Amino acid sequence: MSEKKQVTFEEAMKELETIVEKLEEGDVPLEEAISFYKEGMKLSKFCHDKLSHVEEEMEKILKENGELESFQVQEDEA
């Protein structure tokens, strides 16, 4: 993930998927696999942070009467 260019969530996810595919193939030399792993961890953290930020923004929604109301996502328990 390049620090110079602001990457979108979708671009980061696509790059992360590509890294996972390469690592799953198993044909990657050890040094390259470690590099891919490090990059994948950076991308994973970026995506997690981005989702956390969006979740914080979504915690408040505007009701019809103009008041803010708490908003919580219901997660399925598996």
PDB file of N, CA and C in Angstrom:
ATOM      1  N   MET A   1       0.850  -1.176   0.000  1.00  0.00           N
ATOM      2  CA  MET A   1       0.000   0.000   0.000  1.00  0.00           C
ATOM      3  C   MET A   1       0.885   1.224   0.000  1.00  0.00           C
ATOM      4  N   SER A   2       0.698   2.074  -0.950  1.00  0.00           N
ATOM      5  CA  SER A   2       1.522   3.261  -1.090  1.00  0.00           C
ATOM      6  C   SER A   2       1.083   4.340  -0.113  1.00  0.00           C
ATOM      7  N   GLU A   3       2.054   4.918   0.593  1.00  0.00           N
ATOM      8  CA  GLU A   3       1.764   5.989   1.523  1.00  0.00           C
ATOM      9  C   GLU A   3       1.518   7.301   0.782  1.00  0.00           C
ATOM     10  N   LYS A   4       2.036   7.436  -0.435  1.00  0.00           N
ATOM     11  CA  LYS A   4       1.957   8.672  -1.193  1.00  0.00           C
ATOM     12  C   LYS A   4       0.550   8.936  -1.704  1.00  0.00           C
ATOM     13  N   LYS A   5      -0.134   7.909  -2.143  1.00  0.00           N
ATOM     14  CA  LYS A   5      -1.454   8.037  -2.753  1.00  0.00           C
ATOM     15  C   LYS A   5      -2.516   7.572  -1.753  1.00  0.00           C
ATOM     16  N   GLN A   6      -3.594   8.335  -1.632  1.00  0.00           N
ATOM     17  CA  GLN A   6      -4.689   7.930  -0.760  1.00  0.00           C
ATOM     18  C   GLN A   6      -5.447   6.792  -1.439  1.00  0.00           C
ATOM     19  N   VAL A   7      -5.466   5.644  -0.812  1.00  0.00           N
ATOM     20  CA  VAL A   7      -6.096   4.451  -1.365  1.00  0.00           C
ATOM     21  C   VAL A   7      -7.531   4.372  -0.853  1.00  0.00           C
ATOM     22  N   THR A   8      -8.456   3.984  -1.724  1.00  0.00           N
ATOM     23  CA  THR A   8      -9.837   3.797  -1.290  1.00  0.00           C
ATOM     24  C   THR A   8      -9.964   2.436  -0.605  1.00  0.00           C
ATOM     25  N   PHE A   9     -11.039   2.282   0.119  1.00  0.00           N
ATOM     26  CA  PHE A   9     -11.324   1.016   0.790  1.00  0.00           C
ATOM     27  C   PHE A   9     -11.392  -0.119  -0.231  1.00  0.00           C
ATOM     28  N   GLU A  10     -12.076   0.141  -1.334  1.00  0.00           N
ATOM     29  CA  GLU A  10     -12.249  -0.890  -2.354  1.00  0.00           C
ATOM     30  C   GLU A  10     -10.923  -1.299  -2.978  1.00  0.00           C
ATOM     31  N   GLU A  11     -10.047  -0.312  -3.230  1.00  0.00           N
ATOM     32  CA  GLU A  11      -8.725  -0.616  -3.789  1.00  0.00           C
ATOM     33  C   GLU A  11      -7.897  -1.441  -2.805  1.00  0.00           C
ATOM     34  N   ALA A  12      -7.976  -1.074  -1.524  1.00  0.00           N
ATOM     35  CA  ALA A  12      -7.231  -1.802  -0.500  1.00  0.00           C
ATOM     36  C   ALA A  12      -7.724  -3.240  -0.387  1.00  0.00           C
ATOM     37  N   MET A  13      -9.042  -3.436  -0.445  1.00  0.00           N
ATOM     38  CA  MET A  13      -9.594  -4.793  -0.369  1.00  0.00           C
ATOM     39  C   MET A  13      -9.161  -5.625  -1.569  1.00  0.00           C
ATOM     40  N   LYS A  14      -9.180  -5.025  -2.751  1.00  0.00           N
ATOM     41  CA  LYS A  14      -8.773  -5.754  -3.958  1.00  0.00           C
ATOM     42  C   LYS A  14      -7.298  -6.154  -3.857  1.00  0.00           C
ATOM     43  N   GLU A  15      -6.460  -5.235  -3.408  1.00  0.00           N
ATOM     44  CA  GLU A  15      -5.037  -5.526  -3.257  1.00  0.00           C
ATOM     45  C   GLU A  15      -4.822  -6.611  -2.199  1.00  0.00           C
ATOM     46  N   LEU A  16      -5.579  -6.548  -1.114  1.00  0.00           N
ATOM     47  CA  LEU A  16      -5.486  -7.558  -0.063  1.00  0.00           C
ATOM     48  C   LEU A  16      -5.901  -8.932  -0.594  1.00  0.00           C
ATOM     49  N   GLU A  17      -6.955  -8.983  -1.384  1.00  0.00           N
ATOM     50  CA  GLU A  17      -7.393 -10.246  -1.978  1.00  0.00           C
ATOM     51  C   GLU A  17      -6.319 -10.824  -2.895  1.00  0.00           C
ATOM     52  N   THR A  18      -5.654  -9.964  -3.665  1.00  0.00           N
ATOM     53  CA  THR A  18      -4.579 -10.405  -4.554  1.00  0.00           C
ATOM     54  C   THR A  18      -3.429 -11.007  -3.746  1.00  0.00           C
ATOM     55  N   ILE A  19      -3.071 -10.350  -2.650  1.00  0.00           N
ATOM     56  CA  ILE A  19      -1.988 -10.847  -1.787  1.00  0.00           C
ATOM     57  C   ILE A  19      -2.356 -12.201  -1.197  1.00  0.00           C
ATOM     58  N   VAL A  20      -3.591 -12.322  -0.725  1.00  0.00           N
ATOM     59  CA  VAL A  20      -4.041 -13.593  -0.143  1.00  0.00           C
ATOM     60  C   VAL A  20      -3.979 -14.706  -1.182  1.00  0.00           C
ATOM     61  N   GLU A  21      -4.409 -14.427  -2.399  1.00  0.00           N
ATOM     62  CA  GLU A  21      -4.358 -15.428  -3.468  1.00  0.00           C
ATOM     63  C   GLU A  21      -2.919 -15.878  -3.726  1.00  0.00           C
ATOM     64  N   LYS A  22      -1.994 -14.923  -3.784  1.00  0.00           N
ATOM     65  CA  LYS A  22      -0.587 -15.262  -4.024  1.00  0.00           C
ATOM     66  C   LYS A  22      -0.035 -16.125  -2.899  1.00  0.00           C
ATOM     67  N   LEU A  23      -0.364 -15.776  -1.662  1.00  0.00           N
ATOM     68  CA  LEU A  23       0.138 -16.548  -0.523  1.00  0.00           C
ATOM     69  C   LEU A  23      -0.496 -17.942  -0.474  1.00  0.00           C
ATOM     70  N   GLU A  24      -1.757 -18.048  -0.863  1.00  0.00           N
ATOM     71  CA  GLU A  24      -2.433 -19.347  -0.857  1.00  0.00           C
ATOM     72  C   GLU A  24      -1.863 -20.290  -1.916  1.00  0.00           C
ATOM     73  N   GLU A  25      -1.334 -19.738  -3.013  1.00  0.00           N
ATOM     74  CA  GLU A  25      -0.740 -20.570  -4.057  1.00  0.00           C
ATOM     75  C   GLU A  25       0.468 -21.331  -3.521  1.00  0.00           C
ATOM     76  N   GLY A  26       1.206 -20.705  -2.618  1.00  0.00           N
ATOM     77  CA  GLY A  26       2.341 -21.375  -2.002  1.00  0.00           C
ATOM     78  C   GLY A  26       3.605 -21.401  -2.829  1.00  0.00           C
ATOM     79  N   ASP A  27       3.620 -20.780  -4.002  1.00  0.00           N
ATOM     80  CA  ASP A  27       4.787 -20.793  -4.874  1.00  0.00           C
ATOM     81  C   ASP A  27       5.687 -19.573  -4.661  1.00  0.00           C
ATOM     82  N   VAL A  28       5.460 -18.831  -3.593  1.00  0.00           N
ATOM     83  CA  VAL A  28       6.177 -17.590  -3.351  1.00  0.00           C
ATOM     84  C   VAL A  28       7.410 -17.878  -2.477  1.00  0.00           C
ATOM     85  N   PRO A  29       8.581 -17.362  -2.869  1.00  0.00           N
ATOM     86  CA  PRO A  29       9.766 -17.515  -2.028  1.00  0.00           C
ATOM     87  C   PRO A  29       9.529 -16.902  -0.647  1.00  0.00           C
ATOM     88  N   LEU A  30      10.201 -17.423   0.364  1.00  0.00           N
ATOM     89  CA  LEU A  30       9.972 -17.015   1.744  1.00  0.00           C
ATOM     90  C   LEU A  30      10.070 -15.507   1.953  1.00  0.00           C
ATOM     91  N   GLU A  31      11.138 -14.897   1.444  1.00  0.00           N
ATOM     92  CA  GLU A  31      11.323 -13.456   1.639  1.00  0.00           C
ATOM     93  C   GLU A  31      10.170 -12.654   1.021  1.00  0.00           C
ATOM     94  N   GLU A  32       9.735 -13.084  -0.151  1.00  0.00           N
ATOM     95  CA  GLU A  32       8.628 -12.411  -0.824  1.00  0.00           C
ATOM     96  C   GLU A  32       7.324 -12.647  -0.064  1.00  0.00           C
ATOM     97  N   ALA A  33       7.153 -13.845   0.469  1.00  0.00           N
ATOM     98  CA  ALA A  33       5.946 -14.162   1.237  1.00  0.00           C
ATOM     99  C   ALA A  33       5.872 -13.289   2.489  1.00  0.00           C
ATOM    100  N   ILE A  34       7.004 -13.077   3.140  1.00  0.00           N
ATOM    101  CA  ILE A  34       7.039 -12.218   4.325  1.00  0.00           C
ATOM    102  C   ILE A  34       6.669 -10.788   3.947  1.00  0.00           C
ATOM    103  N   SER A  35       7.194 -10.326   2.829  1.00  0.00           N
ATOM    104  CA  SER A  35       6.871  -8.983   2.344  1.00  0.00           C
ATOM    105  C   SER A  35       5.381  -8.862   2.035  1.00  0.00           C
ATOM    106  N   PHE A  36       4.824  -9.870   1.352  1.00  0.00           N
ATOM    107  CA  PHE A  36       3.388  -9.880   1.068  1.00  0.00           C
ATOM    108  C   PHE A  36       2.580  -9.874   2.361  1.00  0.00           C
ATOM    109  N   TYR A  37       3.029 -10.672   3.334  1.00  0.00           N
ATOM    110  CA  TYR A  37       2.317 -10.764   4.611  1.00  0.00           C
ATOM    111  C   TYR A  37       2.296  -9.405   5.309  1.00  0.00           C
ATOM    112  N   LYS A  38       3.438  -8.732   5.352  1.00  0.00           N
ATOM    113  CA  LYS A  38       3.514  -7.411   5.990  1.00  0.00           C
ATOM    114  C   LYS A  38       2.578  -6.425   5.296  1.00  0.00           C
ATOM    115  N   GLU A  39       2.609  -6.424   3.972  1.00  0.00           N
ATOM    116  CA  GLU A  39       1.750  -5.529   3.206  1.00  0.00           C
ATOM    117  C   GLU A  39       0.283  -5.871   3.455  1.00  0.00           C
ATOM    118  N   GLY A  40      -0.022  -7.153   3.521  1.00  0.00           N
ATOM    119  CA  GLY A  40      -1.396  -7.586   3.798  1.00  0.00           C
ATOM    120  C   GLY A  40      -1.873  -7.130   5.164  1.00  0.00           C
ATOM    121  N   MET A  41      -0.997  -7.167   6.148  1.00  0.00           N
ATOM    122  CA  MET A  41      -1.360  -6.710   7.490  1.00  0.00           C
ATOM    123  C   MET A  41      -1.626  -5.209   7.496  1.00  0.00           C
ATOM    124  N   LYS A  42      -0.826  -4.446   6.757  1.00  0.00           N
ATOM    125  CA  LYS A  42      -1.057  -2.991   6.652  1.00  0.00           C
ATOM    126  C   LYS A  42      -2.410  -2.717   6.000  1.00  0.00           C
ATOM    127  N   LEU A  43      -2.697  -3.450   4.929  1.00  0.00           N
ATOM    128  CA  LEU A  43      -3.971  -3.278   4.236  1.00  0.00           C
ATOM    129  C   LEU A  43      -5.145  -3.672   5.126  1.00  0.00           C
ATOM    130  N   SER A  44      -4.977  -4.754   5.857  1.00  0.00           N
ATOM    131  CA  SER A  44      -6.019  -5.218   6.761  1.00  0.00           C
ATOM    132  C   SER A  44      -6.313  -4.166   7.833  1.00  0.00           C
ATOM    133  N   LYS A  45      -5.271  -3.583   8.400  1.00  0.00           N
ATOM    134  CA  LYS A  45      -5.447  -2.542   9.412  1.00  0.00           C
ATOM    135  C   LYS A  45      -6.120  -1.319   8.805  1.00  0.00           C
ATOM    136  N   PHE A  46      -5.696  -0.928   7.607  1.00  0.00           N
ATOM    137  CA  PHE A  46      -6.302   0.212   6.925  1.00  0.00           C
ATOM    138  C   PHE A  46      -7.809  -0.022   6.742  1.00  0.00           C
ATOM    139  N   CYS A  47      -8.172  -1.209   6.255  1.00  0.00           N
ATOM    140  CA  CYS A  47      -9.589  -1.521   6.012  1.00  0.00           C
ATOM    141  C   CYS A  47     -10.373  -1.542   7.326  1.00  0.00           C
ATOM    142  N   HIS A  48      -9.791  -2.135   8.357  1.00  0.00           N
ATOM    143  CA  HIS A  48     -10.450  -2.185   9.661  1.00  0.00           C
ATOM    144  C   HIS A  48     -10.671  -0.782  10.207  1.00  0.00           C
ATOM    145  N   ASP A  49      -9.641   0.058  10.127  1.00  0.00           N
ATOM    146  CA  ASP A  49      -9.759   1.436  10.611  1.00  0.00           C
ATOM    147  C   ASP A  49     -10.814   2.208   9.832  1.00  0.00           C
ATOM    148  N   LYS A  50     -10.838   2.007   8.521  1.00  0.00           N
ATOM    149  CA  LYS A  50     -11.816   2.690   7.669  1.00  0.00           C
ATOM    150  C   LYS A  50     -13.238   2.260   8.054  1.00  0.00           C
ATOM    151  N   LEU A  51     -13.442   0.962   8.253  1.00  0.00           N
ATOM    152  CA  LEU A  51     -14.761   0.466   8.643  1.00  0.00           C
ATOM    153  C   LEU A  51     -15.164   0.977  10.024  1.00  0.00           C
ATOM    154  N   SER A  52     -14.219   1.046  10.940  1.00  0.00           N
ATOM    155  CA  SER A  52     -14.508   1.566  12.280  1.00  0.00           C
ATOM    156  C   SER A  52     -14.946   3.021  12.209  1.00  0.00           C
ATOM    157  N   HIS A  53     -14.265   3.791  11.353  1.00  0.00           N
ATOM    158  CA  HIS A  53     -14.615   5.198  11.192  1.00  0.00           C
ATOM    159  C   HIS A  53     -16.030   5.341  10.622  1.00  0.00           C
ATOM    160  N   VAL A  54     -16.351   4.548   9.631  1.00  0.00           N
ATOM    161  CA  VAL A  54     -17.691   4.592   9.031  1.00  0.00           C
ATOM    162  C   VAL A  54     -18.734   4.180  10.064  1.00  0.00           C
ATOM    163  N   GLU A  55     -18.426   3.171  10.864  1.00  0.00           N
ATOM    164  CA  GLU A  55     -19.363   2.724  11.894  1.00  0.00           C
ATOM    165  C   GLU A  55     -19.623   3.838  12.905  1.00  0.00           C
ATOM    166  N   GLU A  56     -18.577   4.567  13.284  1.00  0.00           N
ATOM    167  CA  GLU A  56     -18.741   5.693  14.198  1.00  0.00           C
ATOM    168  C   GLU A  56     -19.658   6.748  13.592  1.00  0.00           C
ATOM    169  N   GLU A  57     -19.482   7.023  12.302  1.00  0.00           N
ATOM    170  CA  GLU A  57     -20.339   8.001  11.631  1.00  0.00           C
ATOM    171  C   GLU A  57     -21.789   7.530  11.576  1.00  0.00           C
ATOM    172  N   MET A  58     -21.978   6.219  11.425  1.00  0.00           N
ATOM    173  CA  MET A  58     -23.324   5.673  11.292  1.00  0.00           C
ATOM    174  C   MET A  58     -24.028   5.511  12.636  1.00  0.00           C
ATOM    175  N   GLU A  59     -23.293   5.673  13.746  1.00  0.00           N
ATOM    176  CA  GLU A  59     -23.910   5.515  15.060  1.00  0.00           C
ATOM    177  C   GLU A  59     -24.973   6.582  15.324  1.00  0.00           C
ATOM    178  N   LYS A  60     -24.853   7.675  14.647  1.00  0.00           N
ATOM    179  CA  LYS A  60     -25.847   8.747  14.784  1.00  0.00           C
ATOM    180  C   LYS A  60     -26.566   8.924  13.453  1.00  0.00           C
ATOM    181  N   ILE A  61     -27.865   8.846  13.490  1.00  0.00           N
ATOM    182  CA  ILE A  61     -28.639   9.105  12.269  1.00  0.00           C
ATOM    183  C   ILE A  61     -29.680  10.172  12.587  1.00  0.00           C
ATOM    184  N   LEU A  62     -30.067  10.886  11.588  1.00  0.00           N
ATOM    185  CA  LEU A  62     -31.026  11.965  11.758  1.00  0.00           C
ATOM    186  C   LEU A  62     -32.445  11.412  11.701  1.00  0.00           C
ATOM    187  N   LYS A  63     -33.200  11.667  12.765  1.00  0.00           N
ATOM    188  CA  LYS A  63     -34.605  11.263  12.778  1.00  0.00           C
ATOM    189  C   LYS A  63     -35.422  12.277  11.984  1.00  0.00           C
ATOM    190  N   GLU A  64     -36.623  11.929  11.675  1.00  0.00           N
ATOM    191  CA  GLU A  64     -37.489  12.802  10.884  1.00  0.00           C
ATOM    192  C   GLU A  64     -37.700  14.160  11.540  1.00  0.00           C
ATOM    193  N   ASN A  65     -37.733  14.215  12.866  1.00  0.00           N
ATOM    194  CA  ASN A  65     -37.976  15.479  13.560  1.00  0.00           C
ATOM    195  C   ASN A  65     -36.689  16.282  13.781  1.00  0.00           C
ATOM    196  N   GLY A  66     -35.568  15.829  13.230  1.00  0.00           N
ATOM    197  CA  GLY A  66     -34.320  16.581  13.316  1.00  0.00           C
ATOM    198  C   GLY A  66     -33.439  16.227  14.489  1.00  0.00           C
ATOM    199  N   GLU A  67     -33.888  15.332  15.361  1.00  0.00           N
ATOM    200  CA  GLU A  67     -33.064  14.926  16.499  1.00  0.00           C
ATOM    201  C   GLU A  67     -32.167  13.761  16.105  1.00  0.00           C
ATOM    202  N   LEU A  68     -31.010  13.710  16.748  1.00  0.00           N
ATOM    203  CA  LEU A  68     -30.106  12.592  16.492  1.00  0.00           C
ATOM    204  C   LEU A  68     -30.498  11.411  17.359  1.00  0.00           C
ATOM    205  N   GLU A  69     -30.353  10.238  16.800  1.00  0.00           N
ATOM    206  CA  GLU A  69     -30.710   9.016  17.508  1.00  0.00           C
ATOM    207  C   GLU A  69     -29.546   8.047  17.409  1.00  0.00           C
ATOM    208  N   SER A  70     -29.275   7.337  18.487  1.00  0.00           N
ATOM    209  CA  SER A  70     -28.204   6.334  18.442  1.00  0.00           C
ATOM    210  C   SER A  70     -28.582   5.241  17.456  1.00  0.00           C
ATOM    211  N   PHE A  71     -27.577   4.733  16.779  1.00  0.00           N
ATOM    212  CA  PHE A  71     -27.769   3.693  15.777  1.00  0.00           C
ATOM    213  C   PHE A  71     -26.757   2.599  16.041  1.00  0.00           C
ATOM    214  N   GLN A  72     -27.219   1.367  16.172  1.00  0.00           N
ATOM    215  CA  GLN A  72     -26.321   0.246  16.394  1.00  0.00           C
ATOM    216  C   GLN A  72     -26.622  -0.848  15.383  1.00  0.00           C
ATOM    217  N   VAL A  73     -25.574  -1.443  14.857  1.00  0.00           N
ATOM    218  CA  VAL A  73     -25.714  -2.526  13.896  1.00  0.00           C
ATOM    219  C   VAL A  73     -25.959  -3.820  14.656  1.00  0.00           C
ATOM    220  N   GLN A  74     -26.978  -4.552  14.243  1.00  0.00           N
ATOM    221  CA  GLN A  74     -27.257  -5.864  14.835  1.00  0.00           C
ATOM    222  C   GLN A  74     -26.384  -6.892  14.134  1.00  0.00           C
ATOM    223  N   GLU A  75     -25.545  -7.566  14.888  1.00  0.00           N
ATOM    224  CA  GLU A  75     -24.681  -8.588  14.303  1.00  0.00           C
ATOM    225  C   GLU A  75     -25.283  -9.963  14.547  1.00  0.00           C
ATOM    226  N   ASP A  76     -25.225 -10.791  13.506  1.00  0.00           N
ATOM    227  CA  ASP A  76     -25.701 -12.163  13.634  1.00  0.00           C
ATOM    228  C   ASP A  76     -24.693 -12.969  14.437  1.00  0.00           C
ATOM    229  N   GLU A  77     -25.210 -13.786  15.343  1.00  0.00           N
ATOM    230  CA  GLU A  77     -24.338 -14.675  16.091  1.00  0.00           C
ATOM    231  C   GLU A  77     -24.281 -16.009  15.374  1.00  0.00           C
ATOM    232  N   ALA A  78     -23.094 -16.433  15.056  1.00  0.00           N
ATOM    233  CA  ALA A  78     -22.943 -17.698  14.324  1.00  0.00           C
ATOM    234  C   ALA A  78     -22.499 -18.804  15.236  1.00  0.00           C
TER     235      ALA A  78
END
